[in-house]
């Protein structure tokens, strides 16, 4: 094959660093014993089936924030579709500035750079698209019955599995870029006491180690498909039914935490714009806009 022994050895060592268990026998060669949770640029690319999203892929063993890295790259002219993935994220943040911890060797932190030719009022819909992609990708890899808590929390058995943060740079009539950041709890075995009752991981729910490379790629494959459908229509009309099927709030009694006044009602799923339709006890229909208010179950988080 025209490949030197030294070149082979270097690639084997790279795979080992990514977590692949490889057996070596002098005079015979190498054998993959267990792919394990190999997590790196090459292992992710092996499962990618996209046309443009993630085809430029940055992988970091450790970083402050994948969203911040995408911002830095965007300021230097990075093109749409750039994907940043990190094993460890030190300054990740969730909604309203809350922290999102990402310790080494267990979870996924990733961000996409998008440049849609749309108006800024469409940006919240991209968060719902990311939620739908996360559900599909995780289900394809694990078979776990993950659901969406409107608008963008991914939950299973009443606990949060995935967090999504969308950030935008725009003018009043146009978007410069949208950065969609996602944190997925994959192989975490335990959580701090303060979040143990509300957070979970794929490992805790499925009882085994999952490939983070495969999860990253499958979620990205799904996002590209859903995002292109969204661009064609400019709204969620083509994705609404699938989203509602995955929405844990559908048909549930919910409490809407609106700064103008809390109220309760029955969730009827989303409309074409991603707003949650809630029928109040007096029969009035309200449309809840993501980002303005929070929705909780009557007796808890979900």
C-alpha atoms as a PDB file:
ATOM      1  CA  UNK A   1       0.000   0.000   0.000  1.00  0.00           C
ATOM      2  CA  UNK A   2       3.033   2.253   0.052  1.00  0.00           C
ATOM      3  CA  UNK A   3       2.617   3.145   3.721  1.00  0.00           C
ATOM      4  CA  UNK A   4       5.572   2.978   6.094  1.00  0.00           C
ATOM      5  CA  UNK A   5       5.432   1.129   9.418  1.00  0.00           C
ATOM      6  CA  UNK A   6       6.065   4.433  11.178  1.00  0.00           C
ATOM      7  CA  UNK A   7       3.120   6.098   9.415  1.00  0.00           C
ATOM      8  CA  UNK A   8       0.841   3.225  10.462  1.00  0.00           C
ATOM      9  CA  UNK A   9       2.084   3.447  14.062  1.00  0.00           C
ATOM     10  CA  UNK A  10       1.348   7.195  14.181  1.00  0.00           C
ATOM     11  CA  UNK A  11      -2.242   6.650  13.044  1.00  0.00           C
ATOM     12  CA  UNK A  12      -2.709   3.807  15.533  1.00  0.00           C
ATOM     13  CA  UNK A  13      -1.485   6.054  18.343  1.00  0.00           C
ATOM     14  CA  UNK A  14      -3.884   8.792  17.231  1.00  0.00           C
ATOM     15  CA  UNK A  15      -6.779   6.321  17.423  1.00  0.00           C
ATOM     16  CA  UNK A  16      -5.660   5.186  20.858  1.00  0.00           C
ATOM     17  CA  UNK A  17      -5.643   8.784  22.087  1.00  0.00           C
ATOM     18  CA  UNK A  18      -9.234   9.108  20.830  1.00  0.00           C
ATOM     19  CA  UNK A  19     -10.263   6.141  22.964  1.00  0.00           C
ATOM     20  CA  UNK A  20     -10.086   3.152  20.595  1.00  0.00           C
ATOM     21  CA  UNK A  21      -8.717   0.004  22.271  1.00  0.00           C
ATOM     22  CA  UNK A  22      -6.180  -1.572  19.899  1.00  0.00           C
ATOM     23  CA  UNK A  23      -4.163  -4.756  20.408  1.00  0.00           C
ATOM     24  CA  UNK A  24      -0.685  -4.975  18.860  1.00  0.00           C
ATOM     25  CA  UNK A  25       1.196  -8.207  18.104  1.00  0.00           C
ATOM     26  CA  UNK A  26       4.773  -8.047  16.843  1.00  0.00           C
ATOM     27  CA  UNK A  27       5.062  -9.468  13.347  1.00  0.00           C
ATOM     28  CA  UNK A  28       1.311  -9.636  12.843  1.00  0.00           C
ATOM     29  CA  UNK A  29      -0.010  -6.106  13.177  1.00  0.00           C
ATOM     30  CA  UNK A  30      -2.889  -4.455  14.948  1.00  0.00           C
ATOM     31  CA  UNK A  31      -6.450  -5.401  15.856  1.00  0.00           C
ATOM     32  CA  UNK A  32      -9.305  -3.229  17.106  1.00  0.00           C
ATOM     33  CA  UNK A  33     -10.516  -4.742  20.354  1.00  0.00           C
ATOM     34  CA  UNK A  34     -13.158  -2.159  21.232  1.00  0.00           C
ATOM     35  CA  UNK A  35     -14.110   1.104  19.526  1.00  0.00           C
ATOM     36  CA  UNK A  36     -15.317   2.384  22.905  1.00  0.00           C
ATOM     37  CA  UNK A  37     -16.132   6.059  23.043  1.00  0.00           C
ATOM     38  CA  UNK A  38     -13.604   7.255  20.476  1.00  0.00           C
ATOM     39  CA  UNK A  39     -14.194  11.000  20.276  1.00  0.00           C
ATOM     40  CA  UNK A  40     -12.270  13.199  17.895  1.00  0.00           C
ATOM     41  CA  UNK A  41     -12.412  14.858  14.480  1.00  0.00           C
ATOM     42  CA  UNK A  42     -11.935  11.673  12.490  1.00  0.00           C
ATOM     43  CA  UNK A  43     -14.343   9.578  14.528  1.00  0.00           C
ATOM     44  CA  UNK A  44     -17.082  12.209  14.086  1.00  0.00           C
ATOM     45  CA  UNK A  45     -16.437  12.581  10.356  1.00  0.00           C
ATOM     46  CA  UNK A  46     -16.769   8.804   9.936  1.00  0.00           C
ATOM     47  CA  UNK A  47     -20.491   9.086  10.790  1.00  0.00           C
ATOM     48  CA  UNK A  48     -21.306  12.424   9.122  1.00  0.00           C
ATOM     49  CA  UNK A  49     -23.730  12.230   6.210  1.00  0.00           C
ATOM     50  CA  UNK A  50     -24.208  15.913   5.409  1.00  0.00           C
ATOM     51  CA  UNK A  51     -23.721  18.071   2.336  1.00  0.00           C
ATOM     52  CA  UNK A  52     -22.429  21.213   4.022  1.00  0.00           C
ATOM     53  CA  UNK A  53     -23.038  21.237   7.775  1.00  0.00           C
ATOM     54  CA  UNK A  54     -19.966  20.104   9.693  1.00  0.00           C
ATOM     55  CA  UNK A  55     -17.862  19.635   6.586  1.00  0.00           C
ATOM     56  CA  UNK A  56     -15.570  22.193   8.189  1.00  0.00           C
ATOM     57  CA  UNK A  57     -15.107  20.666  11.623  1.00  0.00           C
ATOM     58  CA  UNK A  58     -13.070  21.982  14.532  1.00  0.00           C
ATOM     59  CA  UNK A  59     -12.389  19.638  17.440  1.00  0.00           C
ATOM     60  CA  UNK A  60     -10.930  20.747  20.768  1.00  0.00           C
ATOM     61  CA  UNK A  61      -9.815  18.660  23.706  1.00  0.00           C
ATOM     62  CA  UNK A  62     -10.519  21.699  25.886  1.00  0.00           C
ATOM     63  CA  UNK A  63     -11.997  25.124  25.201  1.00  0.00           C
ATOM     64  CA  UNK A  64     -13.773  27.982  26.957  1.00  0.00           C
ATOM     65  CA  UNK A  65     -16.988  27.713  24.940  1.00  0.00           C
ATOM     66  CA  UNK A  66     -17.816  26.316  21.507  1.00  0.00           C
ATOM     67  CA  UNK A  67     -20.288  29.170  21.001  1.00  0.00           C
ATOM     68  CA  UNK A  68     -17.563  31.715  21.760  1.00  0.00           C
ATOM     69  CA  UNK A  69     -15.158  29.938  19.403  1.00  0.00           C
ATOM     70  CA  UNK A  70     -17.719  30.088  16.598  1.00  0.00           C
ATOM     71  CA  UNK A  71     -18.184  33.802  17.314  1.00  0.00           C
ATOM     72  CA  UNK A  72     -14.437  34.370  17.017  1.00  0.00           C
ATOM     73  CA  UNK A  73     -14.308  32.467  13.741  1.00  0.00           C
ATOM     74  CA  UNK A  74     -17.365  34.284  12.386  1.00  0.00           C
ATOM     75  CA  UNK A  75     -15.698  37.634  13.048  1.00  0.00           C
ATOM     76  CA  UNK A  76     -12.833  36.445  10.832  1.00  0.00           C
ATOM     77  CA  UNK A  77     -15.165  35.473   7.992  1.00  0.00           C
ATOM     78  CA  UNK A  78     -15.942  31.808   8.673  1.00  0.00           C
ATOM     79  CA  UNK A  79     -18.503  30.313   6.326  1.00  0.00           C
ATOM     80  CA  UNK A  80     -21.899  28.834   7.137  1.00  0.00           C
ATOM     81  CA  UNK A  81     -21.850  25.249   8.295  1.00  0.00           C
ATOM     82  CA  UNK A  82     -18.799  25.487  10.526  1.00  0.00           C
ATOM     83  CA  UNK A  83     -19.061  23.015  13.414  1.00  0.00           C
ATOM     84  CA  UNK A  84     -17.064  23.315  16.635  1.00  0.00           C
ATOM     85  CA  UNK A  85     -16.975  20.336  19.019  1.00  0.00           C
ATOM     86  CA  UNK A  86     -15.219  20.054  22.366  1.00  0.00           C
ATOM     87  CA  UNK A  87     -14.527  17.262  24.808  1.00  0.00           C
ATOM     88  CA  UNK A  88     -14.204  19.717  27.700  1.00  0.00           C
ATOM     89  CA  UNK A  89     -15.849  23.139  27.932  1.00  0.00           C
ATOM     90  CA  UNK A  90     -14.855  25.401  30.817  1.00  0.00           C
ATOM     91  CA  UNK A  91     -17.130  28.412  30.358  1.00  0.00           C
ATOM     92  CA  UNK A  92     -20.216  26.998  28.722  1.00  0.00           C
ATOM     93  CA  UNK A  93     -23.431  28.820  29.439  1.00  0.00           C
ATOM     94  CA  UNK A  94     -27.093  28.030  29.269  1.00  0.00           C
ATOM     95  CA  UNK A  95     -30.193  30.138  29.122  1.00  0.00           C
ATOM     96  CA  UNK A  96     -30.149  33.448  31.044  1.00  0.00           C
ATOM     97  CA  UNK A  97     -26.422  33.126  31.717  1.00  0.00           C
ATOM     98  CA  UNK A  98     -26.622  29.908  33.715  1.00  0.00           C
ATOM     99  CA  UNK A  99     -23.549  27.686  33.584  1.00  0.00           C
ATOM    100  CA  UNK A 100     -23.472  24.398  31.678  1.00  0.00           C
ATOM    101  CA  UNK A 101     -20.723  22.140  32.983  1.00  0.00           C
ATOM    102  CA  UNK A 102     -18.941  19.846  30.534  1.00  0.00           C
ATOM    103  CA  UNK A 103     -16.268  17.717  32.256  1.00  0.00           C
ATOM    104  CA  UNK A 104     -13.683  15.755  30.301  1.00  0.00           C
ATOM    105  CA  UNK A 105     -14.380  12.426  28.682  1.00  0.00           C
ATOM    106  CA  UNK A 106     -18.140  12.057  29.079  1.00  0.00           C
ATOM    107  CA  UNK A 107     -20.311  14.656  27.304  1.00  0.00           C
ATOM    108  CA  UNK A 108     -20.668  16.676  24.103  1.00  0.00           C
ATOM    109  CA  UNK A 109     -20.395  20.423  23.601  1.00  0.00           C
ATOM    110  CA  UNK A 110     -20.938  21.591  20.029  1.00  0.00           C
ATOM    111  CA  UNK A 111     -21.999  24.660  18.060  1.00  0.00           C
ATOM    112  CA  UNK A 112     -23.072  25.410  14.475  1.00  0.00           C
ATOM    113  CA  UNK A 113     -22.558  28.610  12.482  1.00  0.00           C
ATOM    114  CA  UNK A 114     -25.610  29.520  10.394  1.00  0.00           C
ATOM    115  CA  UNK A 115     -26.209  32.472   8.078  1.00  0.00           C
ATOM    116  CA  UNK A 116     -29.845  32.284   6.963  1.00  0.00           C
ATOM    117  CA  UNK A 117     -31.240  34.881   4.589  1.00  0.00           C
ATOM    118  CA  UNK A 118     -34.164  35.549   6.905  1.00  0.00           C
ATOM    119  CA  UNK A 119     -35.379  38.229   9.300  1.00  0.00           C
ATOM    120  CA  UNK A 120     -34.374  38.189  12.993  1.00  0.00           C
ATOM    121  CA  UNK A 121     -37.850  37.218  14.214  1.00  0.00           C
ATOM    122  CA  UNK A 122     -37.294  33.731  12.744  1.00  0.00           C
ATOM    123  CA  UNK A 123     -34.250  32.976  14.921  1.00  0.00           C
ATOM    124  CA  UNK A 124     -36.157  31.392  17.848  1.00  0.00           C
ATOM    125  CA  UNK A 125     -37.463  28.736  15.461  1.00  0.00           C
ATOM    126  CA  UNK A 126     -33.915  27.474  14.914  1.00  0.00           C
ATOM    127  CA  UNK A 127     -33.766  26.524  18.579  1.00  0.00           C
ATOM    128  CA  UNK A 128     -36.797  24.283  18.096  1.00  0.00           C
ATOM    129  CA  UNK A 129     -35.186  22.761  15.004  1.00  0.00           C
ATOM    130  CA  UNK A 130     -32.117  21.927  17.098  1.00  0.00           C
ATOM    131  CA  UNK A 131     -34.330  20.275  19.698  1.00  0.00           C
ATOM    132  CA  UNK A 132     -35.999  18.147  17.044  1.00  0.00           C
ATOM    133  CA  UNK A 133     -32.607  17.151  15.603  1.00  0.00           C
ATOM    134  CA  UNK A 134     -31.303  16.217  19.057  1.00  0.00           C
ATOM    135  CA  UNK A 135     -34.287  13.962  19.677  1.00  0.00           C
ATOM    136  CA  UNK A 136     -33.890  12.211  16.345  1.00  0.00           C
ATOM    137  CA  UNK A 137     -30.125  11.766  16.607  1.00  0.00           C
ATOM    138  CA  UNK A 138     -30.218  10.463  20.171  1.00  0.00           C
ATOM    139  CA  UNK A 139     -33.052   8.053  19.361  1.00  0.00           C
ATOM    140  CA  UNK A 140     -31.206   6.697  16.329  1.00  0.00           C
ATOM    141  CA  UNK A 141     -28.093   5.986  18.378  1.00  0.00           C
ATOM    142  CA  UNK A 142     -29.667   4.758  21.602  1.00  0.00           C
ATOM    143  CA  UNK A 143     -33.344   3.964  21.133  1.00  0.00           C
ATOM    144  CA  UNK A 144     -34.076   5.989  24.288  1.00  0.00           C
ATOM    145  CA  UNK A 145     -37.521   7.585  24.504  1.00  0.00           C
ATOM    146  CA  UNK A 146     -36.325  11.178  24.648  1.00  0.00           C
ATOM    147  CA  UNK A 147     -38.852  13.984  24.307  1.00  0.00           C
ATOM    148  CA  UNK A 148     -38.931  17.769  23.952  1.00  0.00           C
ATOM    149  CA  UNK A 149     -40.090  20.044  26.739  1.00  0.00           C
ATOM    150  CA  UNK A 150     -41.111  23.165  24.834  1.00  0.00           C
ATOM    151  CA  UNK A 151     -39.279  24.975  23.468  1.00  0.00           C
ATOM    152  CA  UNK A 152     -35.886  23.302  23.501  1.00  0.00           C
ATOM    153  CA  UNK A 153     -35.120  21.143  26.538  1.00  0.00           C
ATOM    154  CA  UNK A 154     -34.626  17.451  25.787  1.00  0.00           C
ATOM    155  CA  UNK A 155     -35.938  15.306  28.628  1.00  0.00           C
ATOM    156  CA  UNK A 156     -36.407  11.679  29.590  1.00  0.00           C
ATOM    157  CA  UNK A 157     -38.209  10.390  32.668  1.00  0.00           C
ATOM    158  CA  UNK A 158     -38.804  13.950  33.792  1.00  0.00           C
ATOM    159  CA  UNK A 159     -35.120  14.930  33.775  1.00  0.00           C
ATOM    160  CA  UNK A 160     -33.092  17.156  31.459  1.00  0.00           C
ATOM    161  CA  UNK A 161     -30.656  15.510  29.053  1.00  0.00           C
ATOM    162  CA  UNK A 162     -29.788  18.279  26.592  1.00  0.00           C
ATOM    163  CA  UNK A 163     -29.449  22.043  26.775  1.00  0.00           C
ATOM    164  CA  UNK A 164     -29.563  24.371  23.753  1.00  0.00           C
ATOM    165  CA  UNK A 165     -28.482  28.005  23.520  1.00  0.00           C
ATOM    166  CA  UNK A 166     -29.040  30.080  20.369  1.00  0.00           C
ATOM    167  CA  UNK A 167     -27.252  33.407  19.927  1.00  0.00           C
ATOM    168  CA  UNK A 168     -27.663  35.868  17.081  1.00  0.00           C
ATOM    169  CA  UNK A 169     -25.943  38.859  15.524  1.00  0.00           C
ATOM    170  CA  UNK A 170     -28.360  40.894  13.432  1.00  0.00           C
ATOM    171  CA  UNK A 171     -29.667  44.222  12.207  1.00  0.00           C
ATOM    172  CA  UNK A 172     -33.369  45.091  12.390  1.00  0.00           C
ATOM    173  CA  UNK A 173     -34.090  43.605   8.962  1.00  0.00           C
ATOM    174  CA  UNK A 174     -31.427  40.920   8.485  1.00  0.00           C
ATOM    175  CA  UNK A 175     -29.434  38.241  10.273  1.00  0.00           C
ATOM    176  CA  UNK A 176     -25.653  38.267  10.116  1.00  0.00           C
ATOM    177  CA  UNK A 177     -25.211  34.925  11.831  1.00  0.00           C
ATOM    178  CA  UNK A 178     -26.896  32.558  14.224  1.00  0.00           C
ATOM    179  CA  UNK A 179     -24.893  30.311  16.536  1.00  0.00           C
ATOM    180  CA  UNK A 180     -26.701  27.239  17.807  1.00  0.00           C
ATOM    181  CA  UNK A 181     -24.910  25.662  20.774  1.00  0.00           C
ATOM    182  CA  UNK A 182     -25.840  22.295  22.245  1.00  0.00           C
ATOM    183  CA  UNK A 183     -24.707  20.388  25.320  1.00  0.00           C
ATOM    184  CA  UNK A 184     -25.575  16.687  25.553  1.00  0.00           C
ATOM    185  CA  UNK A 185     -25.102  14.594  28.688  1.00  0.00           C
ATOM    186  CA  UNK A 186     -23.912  11.317  27.190  1.00  0.00           C
ATOM    187  CA  UNK A 187     -21.783   9.192  29.524  1.00  0.00           C
ATOM    188  CA  UNK A 188     -22.002  11.069  32.829  1.00  0.00           C
ATOM    189  CA  UNK A 189     -22.408   8.569  35.669  1.00  0.00           C
ATOM    190  CA  UNK A 190     -23.390  10.980  38.441  1.00  0.00           C
ATOM    191  CA  UNK A 191     -24.365  14.609  38.975  1.00  0.00           C
ATOM    192  CA  UNK A 192     -23.832  17.062  41.855  1.00  0.00           C
ATOM    193  CA  UNK A 193     -26.477  17.004  44.559  1.00  0.00           C
ATOM    194  CA  UNK A 194     -27.968  20.330  43.469  1.00  0.00           C
ATOM    195  CA  UNK A 195     -28.998  19.010  40.026  1.00  0.00           C
ATOM    196  CA  UNK A 196     -29.235  15.258  40.615  1.00  0.00           C
ATOM    197  CA  UNK A 197     -33.032  15.307  40.696  1.00  0.00           C
ATOM    198  CA  UNK A 198     -33.372  17.328  37.482  1.00  0.00           C
ATOM    199  CA  UNK A 199     -30.460  16.196  35.265  1.00  0.00           C
ATOM    200  CA  UNK A 200     -29.697  12.861  33.640  1.00  0.00           C
ATOM    201  CA  UNK A 201     -27.503  11.295  30.947  1.00  0.00           C
ATOM    202  CA  UNK A 202     -27.828   8.726  28.197  1.00  0.00           C
ATOM    203  CA  UNK A 203     -25.645   6.394  30.273  1.00  0.00           C
ATOM    204  CA  UNK A 204     -27.879   6.665  33.339  1.00  0.00           C
ATOM    205  CA  UNK A 205     -31.009   6.062  31.276  1.00  0.00           C
ATOM    206  CA  UNK A 206     -29.656   3.345  28.981  1.00  0.00           C
ATOM    207  CA  UNK A 207     -27.208   1.634  31.292  1.00  0.00           C
ATOM    208  CA  UNK A 208     -24.277   1.602  28.864  1.00  0.00           C
ATOM    209  CA  UNK A 209     -21.586   3.739  27.273  1.00  0.00           C
ATOM    210  CA  UNK A 210     -22.584   5.478  24.031  1.00  0.00           C
ATOM    211  CA  UNK A 211     -20.381   6.758  21.204  1.00  0.00           C
ATOM    212  CA  UNK A 212     -20.223  10.532  21.461  1.00  0.00           C
ATOM    213  CA  UNK A 213     -18.876  10.707  17.903  1.00  0.00           C
ATOM    214  CA  UNK A 214     -21.949   8.895  16.616  1.00  0.00           C
ATOM    215  CA  UNK A 215     -24.332  11.068  18.659  1.00  0.00           C
ATOM    216  CA  UNK A 216     -22.638  14.252  17.407  1.00  0.00           C
ATOM    217  CA  UNK A 217     -22.815  13.124  13.786  1.00  0.00           C
ATOM    218  CA  UNK A 218     -26.361  11.754  13.874  1.00  0.00           C
ATOM    219  CA  UNK A 219     -27.705  14.923  15.494  1.00  0.00           C
ATOM    220  CA  UNK A 220     -25.869  17.005  12.880  1.00  0.00           C
ATOM    221  CA  UNK A 221     -27.216  14.871  10.029  1.00  0.00           C
ATOM    222  CA  UNK A 222     -30.748  15.427  11.311  1.00  0.00           C
ATOM    223  CA  UNK A 223     -30.245  19.160  11.829  1.00  0.00           C
ATOM    224  CA  UNK A 224     -29.130  19.737   8.229  1.00  0.00           C
ATOM    225  CA  UNK A 225     -32.271  18.011   6.936  1.00  0.00           C
ATOM    226  CA  UNK A 226     -34.627  19.931   9.241  1.00  0.00           C
ATOM    227  CA  UNK A 227     -32.867  23.260   8.687  1.00  0.00           C
ATOM    228  CA  UNK A 228     -33.176  22.953   4.910  1.00  0.00           C
ATOM    229  CA  UNK A 229     -36.911  22.252   5.278  1.00  0.00           C
ATOM    230  CA  UNK A 230     -37.171  25.355   7.463  1.00  0.00           C
ATOM    231  CA  UNK A 231     -35.374  27.522   4.885  1.00  0.00           C
ATOM    232  CA  UNK A 232     -37.733  26.379   2.130  1.00  0.00           C
ATOM    233  CA  UNK A 233     -40.841  27.523   4.001  1.00  0.00           C
ATOM    234  CA  UNK A 234     -39.425  30.181   6.303  1.00  0.00           C
ATOM    235  CA  UNK A 235     -41.307  28.647   9.218  1.00  0.00           C
ATOM    236  CA  UNK A 236     -41.983  25.329  10.965  1.00  0.00           C
ATOM    237  CA  UNK A 237     -45.015  24.311   8.913  1.00  0.00           C
ATOM    238  CA  UNK A 238     -43.186  21.299   7.474  1.00  0.00           C
ATOM    239  CA  UNK A 239     -41.837  20.199  10.864  1.00  0.00           C
ATOM    240  CA  UNK A 240     -44.705  21.097  13.181  1.00  0.00           C
ATOM    241  CA  UNK A 241     -46.337  17.663  13.264  1.00  0.00           C
ATOM    242  CA  UNK A 242     -43.080  15.839  13.983  1.00  0.00           C
ATOM    243  CA  UNK A 243     -42.216  18.354  16.698  1.00  0.00           C
ATOM    244  CA  UNK A 244     -45.605  17.987  18.356  1.00  0.00           C
ATOM    245  CA  UNK A 245     -45.296  14.198  18.288  1.00  0.00           C
ATOM    246  CA  UNK A 246     -42.050  14.569  20.258  1.00  0.00           C
ATOM    247  CA  UNK A 247     -43.334  17.270  22.615  1.00  0.00           C
ATOM    248  CA  UNK A 248     -43.885  16.077  26.178  1.00  0.00           C
ATOM    249  CA  UNK A 249     -46.084  19.125  26.818  1.00  0.00           C
ATOM    250  CA  UNK A 250     -48.676  18.174  24.188  1.00  0.00           C
ATOM    251  CA  UNK A 251     -52.049  17.723  25.849  1.00  0.00           C
ATOM    252  CA  UNK A 252     -50.569  18.367  29.288  1.00  0.00           C
ATOM    253  CA  UNK A 253     -51.696  20.781  31.955  1.00  0.00           C
ATOM    254  CA  UNK A 254     -49.100  23.551  32.148  1.00  0.00           C
ATOM    255  CA  UNK A 255     -48.365  26.683  34.122  1.00  0.00           C
ATOM    256  CA  UNK A 256     -47.195  29.657  32.049  1.00  0.00           C
ATOM    257  CA  UNK A 257     -44.790  31.874  33.984  1.00  0.00           C
ATOM    258  CA  UNK A 258     -45.495  35.140  32.239  1.00  0.00           C
ATOM    259  CA  UNK A 259     -44.083  38.357  33.802  1.00  0.00           C
ATOM    260  CA  UNK A 260     -47.471  39.934  33.087  1.00  0.00           C
ATOM    261  CA  UNK A 261     -49.195  37.288  35.195  1.00  0.00           C
ATOM    262  CA  UNK A 262     -49.037  33.528  35.593  1.00  0.00           C
ATOM    263  CA  UNK A 263     -51.837  31.341  34.312  1.00  0.00           C
ATOM    264  CA  UNK A 264     -52.650  27.677  33.766  1.00  0.00           C
ATOM    265  CA  UNK A 265     -54.091  25.832  30.825  1.00  0.00           C
ATOM    266  CA  UNK A 266     -53.759  22.897  28.443  1.00  0.00           C
ATOM    267  CA  UNK A 267     -50.930  22.758  25.925  1.00  0.00           C
ATOM    268  CA  UNK A 268     -52.069  22.103  22.354  1.00  0.00           C
ATOM    269  CA  UNK A 269     -48.633  21.997  20.717  1.00  0.00           C
ATOM    270  CA  UNK A 270     -46.892  24.541  18.507  1.00  0.00           C
ATOM    271  CA  UNK A 271     -48.049  26.594  15.552  1.00  0.00           C
ATOM    272  CA  UNK A 272     -46.118  27.289  12.346  1.00  0.00           C
ATOM    273  CA  UNK A 273     -43.972  29.880  14.135  1.00  0.00           C
ATOM    274  CA  UNK A 274     -43.036  27.601  17.023  1.00  0.00           C
ATOM    275  CA  UNK A 275     -45.248  29.392  19.515  1.00  0.00           C
ATOM    276  CA  UNK A 276     -46.916  27.149  22.091  1.00  0.00           C
ATOM    277  CA  UNK A 277     -50.708  27.237  21.967  1.00  0.00           C
ATOM    278  CA  UNK A 278     -52.243  27.108  25.444  1.00  0.00           C
ATOM    279  CA  UNK A 279     -55.984  26.951  26.054  1.00  0.00           C
ATOM    280  CA  UNK A 280     -56.807  28.613  29.362  1.00  0.00           C
ATOM    281  CA  UNK A 281     -59.491  27.325  31.713  1.00  0.00           C
ATOM    282  CA  UNK A 282     -61.908  29.987  30.463  1.00  0.00           C
ATOM    283  CA  UNK A 283     -61.444  28.746  26.876  1.00  0.00           C
ATOM    284  CA  UNK A 284     -59.209  31.596  25.721  1.00  0.00           C
ATOM    285  CA  UNK A 285     -56.331  30.576  23.438  1.00  0.00           C
ATOM    286  CA  UNK A 286     -52.919  32.080  24.138  1.00  0.00           C
ATOM    287  CA  UNK A 287     -49.814  31.844  21.990  1.00  0.00           C
ATOM    288  CA  UNK A 288     -46.667  31.643  24.101  1.00  0.00           C
ATOM    289  CA  UNK A 289     -43.560  33.057  22.448  1.00  0.00           C
ATOM    290  CA  UNK A 290     -40.273  31.286  23.219  1.00  0.00           C
ATOM    291  CA  UNK A 291     -37.815  33.520  25.041  1.00  0.00           C
ATOM    292  CA  UNK A 292     -40.426  35.697  26.727  1.00  0.00           C
ATOM    293  CA  UNK A 293     -41.904  33.276  29.243  1.00  0.00           C
ATOM    294  CA  UNK A 294     -41.337  29.863  30.793  1.00  0.00           C
ATOM    295  CA  UNK A 295     -43.661  26.889  30.840  1.00  0.00           C
ATOM    296  CA  UNK A 296     -43.727  24.295  33.613  1.00  0.00           C
ATOM    297  CA  UNK A 297     -45.848  21.304  34.448  1.00  0.00           C
ATOM    298  CA  UNK A 298     -48.480  21.839  37.105  1.00  0.00           C
ATOM    299  CA  UNK A 299     -46.656  19.571  39.553  1.00  0.00           C
ATOM    300  CA  UNK A 300     -43.028  20.025  38.500  1.00  0.00           C
ATOM    301  CA  UNK A 301     -40.473  20.788  35.816  1.00  0.00           C
ATOM    302  CA  UNK A 302     -42.176  18.737  33.086  1.00  0.00           C
END
